[in-house]
Amino acid sequence: MTNHQPFAHRGMSVLRVVTTCAVAAVCALAGALPARASAPADPATHAPQSAHRPVLPAPTGRYRVGEVALHLVDQSRPDPWQSGQSHRELMAGVYYPAGRTAGFPAAPYMLPAAAAHFDGVTANTYLGLQLPTGRTDWADTVTHVAQGAPVAPGPDGRLPVVIYSPGLGEPRTWGTSLVTDLASRGYVVVTLDHTYESPEVQFPNGSLATMLPPTDPDSFIRKALAVRVADTRFVLEQLQLLTSGRNPDAEARRLPDGLARRLDLSKVGMFGHSMGGTATAMTMDADPRIAAGLDMDGNLTNFDGSLMPVAQHGLDRPLMLMGKDGTTDTGPGWQAFRDNTRGWTRQLTLRGSEHASFTDAEALLPQLGLSPSVQTADLGTIDPATAIRTNEAYTAAYFDRWLRGRHSHLLDGPSAEYPAMEFVN
């Protein structure tokens, strides 16, 4: 097995398992994890009452934020991971500027069965976060999001739509802080779990689909990326149905008032972390509907070190690359992409950061009483509040420029207001 690690970073141990461990070890991991619960998960499965309830940072935009979950079924496509399953089922979260939020329940960070799996498996086995189990109430983490609240009326008219793709081994909720902040600034943001590749996906009936651990890393990564592209294109089609007045949710659950008429699918962006960033570039390459993309520390080389096609020929639309500090394996693919791209591009480095600094880990882990050495290994040396504020500012400035035509000049060069962000020549 090659030692090349195109996706492996500290803070993402599922990919260390994929790229550095023997096949026997991966198979042992596979034997330890169920593929999918055939019956609803035990509703009593939850963190103990004494567990810590962390809080995400409040969004900084002028809008409050609402969220609705969508259960989407692609009848035209069999599930690529489960033989014999005739259709593909996905869960998505839609975050949006909300109007009245009084009387609407707080949106959960994770559903109970998914939260239990995240605590017992994902956080340490996949993400390598070195967290004590049973001490964090992931289901009740405070999100500052109202479930099902009506969409805010306002002068903005229809709202740009941005898709969020999580990293391998991460649930879609692991980017909630940044997603919520973007929604508070007037965007509709759709987060997506990729069933059987995502670590845990809880469906409306309570059943839980968990990751099918890889055996051969090269074929797994290539397949996972191809499936993500297909999943994302399907979700865009479902959003188109929503704007035409149809409810794409498989259970036909009620949608927030005003949602359908506020989506502007002529202005679609995408961003993601790690393999989600890679999927962003690949989906842009496959689908011209995505006008702008942001890749957060996601590689553009294959497992064997060869360049992905998007790195070989670039893009004709803007893609920004935002990476961790220090030694990284993104270099060859990112440099090739920049050399070959025809569209606008920038490469930025968040000084003092680690791979997980672009996720909710930056906000949540400092609340969990970790030792300084563990926190530094997970998040680097950057001040967490600085990392969060900087990520939010540059993500918003990027999509403001390319989806709204609002040029703040933050992307033109270094800023005294955000000294942690370095521009790479």
Protein backbone atom coordinates (compact mmCIF):
# COMPACT_ATOMS: atom_id res chain seq x y z
CA MET A 1 0.00 0.00 0.00
CA THR A 2 1.32 3.43 -0.90
CA ASN A 3 2.14 5.91 1.83
CA HIS A 4 0.81 8.87 -0.17
CA GLN A 5 -1.97 10.52 1.84
CA PRO A 6 -3.90 13.00 -0.33
CA PHE A 7 -6.74 13.39 2.14
CA ALA A 8 -5.12 12.51 5.43
CA HIS A 9 -4.72 15.32 7.94
CA ARG A 10 -4.38 15.35 11.70
CA GLY A 11 -7.88 15.55 13.15
CA MET A 12 -9.34 13.14 10.58
CA SER A 13 -8.36 9.67 11.67
CA VAL A 14 -10.79 7.84 9.41
CA LEU A 15 -8.46 8.81 6.60
CA ARG A 16 -5.40 7.84 8.57
CA VAL A 17 -7.10 4.44 8.87
CA VAL A 18 -7.74 4.42 5.14
CA THR A 19 -4.28 5.49 4.09
CA THR A 20 -1.83 4.12 6.64
CA CYS A 21 -3.33 1.02 8.23
CA ALA A 22 -3.32 -2.52 6.89
CA VAL A 23 -6.41 -3.81 5.13
CA ALA A 24 -6.94 -6.20 8.03
CA ALA A 25 -7.32 -3.29 10.43
CA VAL A 26 -9.84 -1.60 8.16
CA CYS A 27 -11.79 -4.83 7.90
CA ALA A 28 -11.81 -5.10 11.68
CA LEU A 29 -13.27 -1.62 11.85
CA ALA A 30 -15.88 -2.64 9.29
CA GLY A 31 -16.89 -5.59 11.39
CA ALA A 32 -17.41 -3.36 14.40
CA LEU A 33 -19.91 -1.02 12.79
CA PRO A 34 -23.47 -1.79 11.64
CA ALA A 35 -24.47 -0.76 8.13
CA ARG A 36 -27.97 0.40 8.98
CA ALA A 37 -30.48 -0.20 11.70
CA SER A 38 -33.52 -1.91 10.18
CA ALA A 39 -35.75 -0.67 12.97
CA PRO A 40 -36.05 2.74 14.60
CA ALA A 41 -33.26 3.45 17.02
CA ASP A 42 -33.97 3.39 20.74
CA PRO A 43 -35.33 6.88 21.54
CA ALA A 44 -33.85 6.60 25.03
CA THR A 45 -30.35 6.59 23.56
CA HIS A 46 -29.05 9.95 24.70
CA ALA A 47 -26.22 11.53 26.63
CA PRO A 48 -26.48 11.34 30.43
CA GLN A 49 -28.21 14.20 32.20
CA SER A 50 -24.87 15.37 33.58
CA ALA A 51 -23.36 15.71 30.09
CA HIS A 52 -22.07 19.10 29.02
CA ARG A 53 -24.27 21.06 26.65
CA PRO A 54 -21.97 23.13 24.41
CA VAL A 55 -23.05 26.28 22.60
CA LEU A 56 -22.30 27.32 19.03
CA PRO A 57 -21.43 31.00 18.46
CA ALA A 58 -24.35 33.25 17.64
CA PRO A 59 -24.57 34.18 13.95
CA THR A 60 -23.37 37.67 13.08
CA GLY A 61 -25.74 38.63 10.28
CA ARG A 62 -28.87 40.76 10.58
CA TYR A 63 -31.29 37.84 10.28
CA ARG A 64 -32.34 35.17 12.71
CA VAL A 65 -32.01 31.69 11.26
CA GLY A 66 -34.49 28.89 10.62
CA GLU A 67 -33.94 25.31 9.51
CA VAL A 68 -35.92 22.45 8.05
CA ALA A 69 -34.78 18.89 7.37
CA LEU A 70 -35.64 17.21 4.08
CA HIS A 71 -35.79 13.48 3.44
CA LEU A 72 -35.07 13.13 -0.26
CA VAL A 73 -35.52 9.96 -2.31
CA ASP A 74 -34.04 9.50 -5.77
CA GLN A 75 -36.25 6.89 -7.40
CA SER A 76 -34.19 6.92 -10.60
CA ARG A 77 -30.99 5.71 -8.98
CA PRO A 78 -30.23 2.58 -6.92
CA ASP A 79 -28.15 3.13 -3.84
CA PRO A 80 -24.50 2.87 -4.90
CA TRP A 81 -23.35 1.56 -1.53
CA GLN A 82 -26.10 -0.98 -0.72
CA SER A 83 -26.81 -3.67 -3.29
CA GLY A 84 -30.49 -4.50 -3.56
CA GLN A 85 -31.66 -1.05 -2.46
CA SER A 86 -33.52 0.24 -5.50
CA HIS A 87 -33.39 3.94 -4.67
CA ARG A 88 -31.07 6.46 -3.08
CA GLU A 89 -32.19 8.13 0.18
CA LEU A 90 -30.59 11.28 1.54
CA MET A 91 -31.06 13.72 4.39
CA ALA A 92 -30.51 17.43 3.89
CA GLY A 93 -30.83 20.47 6.11
CA VAL A 94 -32.02 23.81 4.74
CA TYR A 95 -30.92 26.91 6.69
CA TYR A 96 -32.41 30.29 5.82
CA PRO A 97 -33.06 33.82 7.10
CA ALA A 98 -36.02 33.53 9.46
CA GLY A 99 -38.71 36.01 10.38
CA ARG A 100 -40.74 35.29 13.50
CA THR A 101 -39.02 32.62 15.61
CA ALA A 102 -41.08 32.84 18.83
CA GLY A 103 -42.99 29.64 19.40
CA PHE A 104 -40.77 27.53 17.16
CA PRO A 105 -38.56 24.88 18.77
CA ALA A 106 -34.80 25.08 18.69
CA ALA A 107 -33.35 23.03 15.87
CA PRO A 108 -31.38 20.06 17.24
CA TYR A 109 -27.69 19.87 16.47
CA MET A 110 -28.01 16.12 15.95
CA LEU A 111 -30.90 13.70 16.34
CA PRO A 112 -30.58 11.37 19.36
CA ALA A 113 -29.43 8.16 17.64
CA ALA A 114 -27.01 10.07 15.41
CA ALA A 115 -25.67 11.95 18.43
CA ALA A 116 -25.04 8.72 20.31
CA HIS A 117 -23.15 7.26 17.34
CA PHE A 118 -21.15 10.47 16.92
CA ASP A 119 -20.18 10.36 20.59
CA GLY A 120 -19.35 6.67 20.68
CA VAL A 121 -17.74 6.21 17.25
CA THR A 122 -17.32 9.21 14.99
CA ALA A 123 -15.66 11.78 17.25
CA ASN A 124 -12.66 9.60 18.04
CA THR A 125 -12.58 6.67 15.60
CA TYR A 126 -13.20 8.82 12.51
CA LEU A 127 -12.23 12.36 13.46
CA GLY A 128 -9.48 11.56 15.95
CA LEU A 129 -10.54 14.29 18.36
CA GLN A 130 -9.47 12.48 21.56
CA LEU A 131 -12.71 13.32 23.36
CA PRO A 132 -14.02 11.56 26.46
CA THR A 133 -17.22 9.71 25.60
CA GLY A 134 -20.51 10.20 27.40
CA ARG A 135 -19.70 13.71 28.62
CA THR A 136 -21.13 15.85 25.81
CA ASP A 137 -24.78 16.23 24.88
CA TRP A 138 -24.38 16.54 21.12
CA ALA A 139 -28.12 16.33 20.50
CA ASP A 140 -28.82 19.39 22.64
CA THR A 141 -25.89 21.53 21.57
CA VAL A 142 -27.23 25.09 21.28
CA THR A 143 -27.55 26.07 17.61
CA HIS A 144 -29.31 29.51 17.64
CA VAL A 145 -31.60 28.09 14.95
CA ALA A 146 -35.40 27.84 15.02
CA GLN A 147 -36.92 24.74 13.48
CA GLY A 148 -39.58 25.43 10.84
CA ALA A 149 -39.80 29.20 11.41
CA PRO A 150 -41.19 31.23 8.48
CA VAL A 151 -38.72 32.71 6.05
CA ALA A 152 -37.99 36.37 6.69
CA PRO A 153 -39.64 38.88 4.38
CA GLY A 154 -37.38 41.65 3.25
CA PRO A 155 -36.02 43.84 0.51
CA ASP A 156 -33.56 41.22 -0.75
CA GLY A 157 -36.15 39.41 -2.82
CA ARG A 158 -35.02 35.94 -3.83
CA LEU A 159 -31.99 34.60 -1.98
CA PRO A 160 -28.82 32.96 -3.32
CA VAL A 161 -28.48 29.26 -2.55
CA VAL A 162 -25.26 27.64 -1.27
CA ILE A 163 -24.66 23.90 -0.87
CA TYR A 164 -22.44 22.68 2.00
CA SER A 165 -20.54 19.37 1.73
CA PRO A 166 -18.88 17.96 4.89
CA GLY A 167 -15.60 16.13 5.10
CA LEU A 168 -15.24 12.37 5.02
CA GLY A 169 -16.12 11.05 8.46
CA GLU A 170 -18.08 14.21 9.31
CA PRO A 171 -21.87 14.57 9.58
CA ARG A 172 -23.46 17.49 7.75
CA THR A 173 -24.04 19.19 11.11
CA TRP A 174 -20.29 19.52 11.76
CA GLY A 175 -20.38 22.77 9.76
CA THR A 176 -23.43 24.29 11.46
CA SER A 177 -21.68 27.37 12.87
CA LEU A 178 -20.43 28.61 9.50
CA VAL A 179 -23.61 27.55 7.71
CA THR A 180 -25.77 29.40 10.24
CA ASP A 181 -23.68 32.53 9.98
CA LEU A 182 -24.00 32.54 6.19
CA ALA A 183 -27.78 32.07 6.45
CA SER A 184 -27.97 35.00 8.87
CA ARG A 185 -26.45 37.17 6.15
CA GLY A 186 -29.22 36.42 3.67
CA TYR A 187 -28.39 33.06 2.08
CA VAL A 188 -30.25 29.78 1.87
CA VAL A 189 -27.70 27.09 2.76
CA VAL A 190 -28.38 23.41 2.10
CA THR A 191 -26.30 20.85 3.99
CA LEU A 192 -26.14 17.27 2.79
CA ASP A 193 -25.31 13.88 4.27
CA HIS A 194 -24.16 11.19 1.84
CA THR A 195 -25.81 8.04 3.15
CA TYR A 196 -23.49 5.09 3.95
CA GLU A 197 -20.46 7.31 3.43
CA SER A 198 -21.49 9.85 6.09
CA PRO A 199 -20.69 8.56 9.57
CA GLU A 200 -24.31 8.55 10.73
CA VAL A 201 -27.60 9.58 9.11
CA GLN A 202 -30.84 9.41 11.08
CA PHE A 203 -34.04 9.25 9.04
CA PRO A 204 -37.50 10.48 10.06
CA ASN A 205 -38.62 6.99 11.15
CA GLY A 206 -35.66 6.85 13.56
CA SER A 207 -33.55 4.37 11.59
CA LEU A 208 -29.84 5.06 11.48
CA ALA A 209 -27.59 4.55 8.45
CA THR A 210 -23.89 4.44 9.28
CA MET A 211 -20.73 4.56 7.24
CA LEU A 212 -19.61 1.51 5.34
CA PRO A 213 -15.88 1.59 6.15
CA PRO A 214 -13.57 1.35 3.16
CA THR A 215 -11.40 -1.59 2.23
CA ASP A 216 -9.42 -0.33 -0.76
CA PRO A 217 -8.81 3.39 -0.16
CA ASP A 218 -8.25 4.44 -3.76
CA SER A 219 -11.47 2.92 -5.10
CA PHE A 220 -13.41 4.08 -2.03
CA ILE A 221 -12.35 7.72 -2.41
CA ARG A 222 -13.00 7.77 -6.15
CA LYS A 223 -16.42 6.18 -5.70
CA ALA A 224 -17.34 8.44 -2.78
CA LEU A 225 -16.53 11.56 -4.78
CA ALA A 226 -18.50 10.38 -7.81
CA VAL A 227 -21.48 9.60 -5.55
CA ARG A 228 -21.23 13.03 -3.91
CA VAL A 229 -21.37 14.72 -7.30
CA ALA A 230 -24.46 12.70 -8.24
CA ASP A 231 -26.09 13.37 -4.86
CA THR A 232 -25.50 17.10 -5.13
CA ARG A 233 -26.90 17.31 -8.64
CA PHE A 234 -29.98 15.42 -7.48
CA VAL A 235 -30.44 17.86 -4.59
CA LEU A 236 -30.31 20.78 -7.04
CA GLU A 237 -33.11 19.12 -8.99
CA GLN A 238 -35.13 18.74 -5.79
CA LEU A 239 -34.65 22.41 -5.01
CA GLN A 240 -35.96 23.19 -8.48
CA LEU A 241 -39.09 21.18 -7.66
CA LEU A 242 -39.42 23.14 -4.44
CA THR A 243 -39.36 26.47 -6.30
CA SER A 244 -42.11 25.20 -8.61
CA GLY A 245 -44.39 24.68 -5.62
CA ARG A 246 -43.84 20.97 -4.99
CA ASN A 247 -42.72 19.50 -1.67
CA PRO A 248 -39.72 17.20 -2.23
CA ASP A 249 -39.78 15.76 1.29
CA ALA A 250 -40.55 12.03 1.17
CA GLU A 251 -42.98 12.32 4.10
CA ALA A 252 -44.48 15.55 2.71
CA ARG A 253 -43.79 17.29 6.02
CA ARG A 254 -44.76 20.93 6.10
CA LEU A 255 -42.19 23.36 4.75
CA PRO A 256 -41.48 26.77 6.28
CA ASP A 257 -43.78 29.50 5.03
CA GLY A 258 -42.23 31.45 2.19
CA LEU A 259 -39.33 29.10 1.50
CA ALA A 260 -40.19 28.09 -2.06
CA ARG A 261 -40.56 31.61 -3.39
CA ARG A 262 -37.31 32.86 -1.86
CA LEU A 263 -34.82 30.49 -3.52
CA ASP A 264 -32.85 31.97 -6.41
CA LEU A 265 -31.45 29.01 -8.30
CA SER A 266 -29.81 31.25 -10.85
CA LYS A 267 -27.29 32.09 -8.10
CA VAL A 268 -25.93 28.84 -6.67
CA GLY A 269 -22.65 28.38 -4.84
CA MET A 270 -21.05 25.46 -3.03
CA PHE A 271 -18.44 25.00 -0.34
CA GLY A 272 -17.10 22.20 1.74
CA HIS A 273 -14.45 21.00 4.13
CA SER A 274 -11.81 18.38 3.33
CA MET A 275 -13.41 15.86 0.95
CA GLY A 276 -16.37 18.24 0.84
CA GLY A 277 -14.05 20.84 -0.64
CA THR A 278 -12.86 18.29 -3.18
CA ALA A 279 -16.47 17.45 -3.99
CA THR A 280 -17.14 21.15 -4.48
CA ALA A 281 -14.51 21.42 -7.20
CA MET A 282 -15.61 18.19 -8.85
CA THR A 283 -19.29 19.15 -8.82
CA MET A 284 -18.49 22.52 -10.35
CA ASP A 285 -16.56 20.68 -13.05
CA ALA A 286 -19.61 18.50 -13.76
CA ASP A 287 -22.44 21.00 -13.35
CA PRO A 288 -22.46 24.58 -14.68
CA ARG A 289 -25.34 25.50 -12.37
CA ILE A 290 -22.81 26.07 -9.58
CA ALA A 291 -21.44 29.55 -10.16
CA ALA A 292 -18.82 29.74 -7.41
CA GLY A 293 -17.10 27.35 -5.01
CA LEU A 294 -14.94 27.37 -1.88
CA ASP A 295 -12.64 24.46 -1.06
CA MET A 296 -11.60 24.33 2.61
CA ASP A 297 -8.52 22.12 2.85
CA GLY A 298 -9.72 19.55 0.35
CA ASN A 299 -7.23 17.86 -1.96
CA LEU A 300 -7.33 17.85 -5.76
CA THR A 301 -5.14 14.76 -6.19
CA ASN A 302 -6.18 11.14 -6.13
CA PHE A 303 -4.99 8.63 -3.55
CA ASP A 304 -2.21 7.48 -5.89
CA GLY A 305 -0.91 11.04 -6.27
CA SER A 306 -2.27 11.63 -9.77
CA LEU A 307 -4.03 14.90 -10.48
CA MET A 308 -7.81 14.92 -10.54
CA PRO A 309 -9.27 16.11 -13.86
CA VAL A 310 -10.40 19.40 -12.35
CA ALA A 311 -6.79 20.12 -11.34
CA GLN A 312 -5.57 19.22 -14.82
CA HIS A 313 -7.85 21.58 -16.71
CA GLY A 314 -9.08 24.05 -14.08
CA LEU A 315 -12.43 25.82 -14.10
CA ASP A 316 -14.00 28.71 -15.95
CA ARG A 317 -15.80 29.90 -12.77
CA PRO A 318 -14.35 31.13 -9.48
CA LEU A 319 -13.05 28.66 -6.93
CA MET A 320 -11.23 29.77 -3.78
CA LEU A 321 -8.82 27.50 -1.91
CA MET A 322 -8.56 27.98 1.86
CA GLY A 323 -6.05 25.78 3.66
CA LYS A 324 -4.61 24.90 7.05
CA ASP A 325 -1.22 26.14 8.20
CA GLY A 326 2.00 24.15 8.18
CA THR A 327 2.81 20.97 6.32
CA THR A 328 -0.01 19.95 4.00
CA ASP A 329 -0.52 17.53 1.14
CA THR A 330 -2.84 19.77 -0.87
CA GLY A 331 0.09 21.47 -2.60
CA PRO A 332 0.46 19.58 -5.92
CA GLY A 333 -3.23 19.53 -6.75
CA TRP A 334 -3.85 23.11 -5.69
CA GLN A 335 -0.86 24.43 -7.61
CA ALA A 336 -1.89 22.54 -10.74
CA PHE A 337 -5.42 23.86 -10.43
CA ARG A 338 -4.19 27.42 -10.10
CA ASP A 339 -1.84 27.00 -13.07
CA ASN A 340 -4.57 25.55 -15.29
CA THR A 341 -7.68 27.42 -14.22
CA ARG A 342 -9.29 29.98 -16.50
CA GLY A 343 -11.55 31.50 -13.89
CA TRP A 344 -10.86 33.66 -10.86
CA THR A 345 -9.04 31.90 -8.04
CA ARG A 346 -7.26 32.65 -4.77
CA GLN A 347 -5.33 30.52 -2.29
CA LEU A 348 -5.45 31.47 1.38
CA THR A 349 -3.89 29.99 4.52
CA LEU A 350 -5.41 30.35 7.98
CA ARG A 351 -2.32 30.93 10.14
CA GLY A 352 -1.94 28.67 13.15
CA SER A 353 -4.83 26.44 12.09
CA GLU A 354 -5.26 22.69 11.82
CA HIS A 355 -7.47 20.66 9.51
CA ALA A 356 -10.46 20.79 11.88
CA SER A 357 -10.26 24.59 12.25
CA PHE A 358 -12.77 25.01 9.41
CA THR A 359 -15.46 23.01 11.24
CA ASP A 360 -17.51 23.28 14.42
CA ALA A 361 -14.59 21.72 16.27
CA GLU A 362 -13.14 25.22 16.55
CA ALA A 363 -16.20 26.41 18.46
CA LEU A 364 -17.11 23.31 20.45
CA LEU A 365 -13.89 21.63 21.54
CA PRO A 366 -12.62 24.56 23.67
CA GLN A 367 -15.78 24.14 25.80
CA LEU A 368 -15.07 20.50 26.64
CA GLY A 369 -12.19 20.85 29.10
CA LEU A 370 -9.56 19.19 26.93
CA SER A 371 -5.91 19.34 27.84
CA PRO A 372 -3.94 22.07 26.03
CA SER A 373 -1.94 19.46 24.11
CA VAL A 374 -5.08 17.74 22.81
CA GLN A 375 -6.74 21.01 21.86
CA THR A 376 -3.62 22.15 20.01
CA ALA A 377 -3.39 18.84 18.16
CA ASP A 378 -7.01 19.20 17.06
CA LEU A 379 -7.16 22.93 16.36
CA GLY A 380 -3.63 24.28 16.11
CA THR A 381 -2.44 27.39 17.90
CA ILE A 382 -4.88 29.94 16.47
CA ASP A 383 -7.26 31.56 18.95
CA PRO A 384 -10.63 29.84 18.40
CA ALA A 385 -12.62 33.08 18.30
CA THR A 386 -10.19 34.47 15.71
CA ALA A 387 -10.51 31.35 13.57
CA ILE A 388 -14.31 31.48 13.66
CA ARG A 389 -14.52 35.21 12.93
CA THR A 390 -12.00 34.96 10.08
CA ASN A 391 -13.66 31.95 8.44
CA GLU A 392 -17.04 33.66 8.60
CA ALA A 393 -15.77 36.90 7.13
CA TYR A 394 -13.98 35.35 4.16
CA THR A 395 -16.74 32.88 3.36
CA ALA A 396 -19.33 35.65 3.33
CA ALA A 397 -17.11 38.01 1.34
CA TYR A 398 -16.47 35.31 -1.24
CA PHE A 399 -20.11 34.46 -1.87
CA ASP A 400 -21.15 38.12 -1.63
CA ARG A 401 -18.78 38.88 -4.47
CA TRP A 402 -19.67 36.04 -6.80
CA LEU A 403 -23.37 35.48 -6.05
CA ARG A 404 -24.42 39.04 -5.21
CA GLY A 405 -21.91 41.24 -6.98
CA ARG A 406 -20.89 42.93 -3.72
CA HIS A 407 -17.14 43.51 -3.82
CA SER A 408 -15.81 44.36 -0.36
CA HIS A 409 -12.15 44.11 -1.47
CA LEU A 410 -11.46 41.66 1.38
CA LEU A 411 -10.38 39.12 -1.23
CA ASP A 412 -7.93 41.48 -2.91
CA GLY A 413 -5.11 41.05 -0.40
CA PRO A 414 -4.11 40.90 3.28
CA SER A 415 -6.34 42.72 5.75
CA ALA A 416 -5.31 44.44 8.98
CA GLU A 417 -8.69 43.44 10.39
CA TYR A 418 -8.06 39.75 9.76
CA PRO A 419 -4.30 39.22 10.15
CA ALA A 420 -4.69 35.45 10.56
CA MET A 421 -5.54 35.06 6.87
CA GLU A 422 -2.50 34.82 4.63
CA PHE A 423 -2.67 35.18 0.85
CA VAL A 424 -0.54 32.61 -1.00
CA ASN A 425 1.21 33.90 -4.12
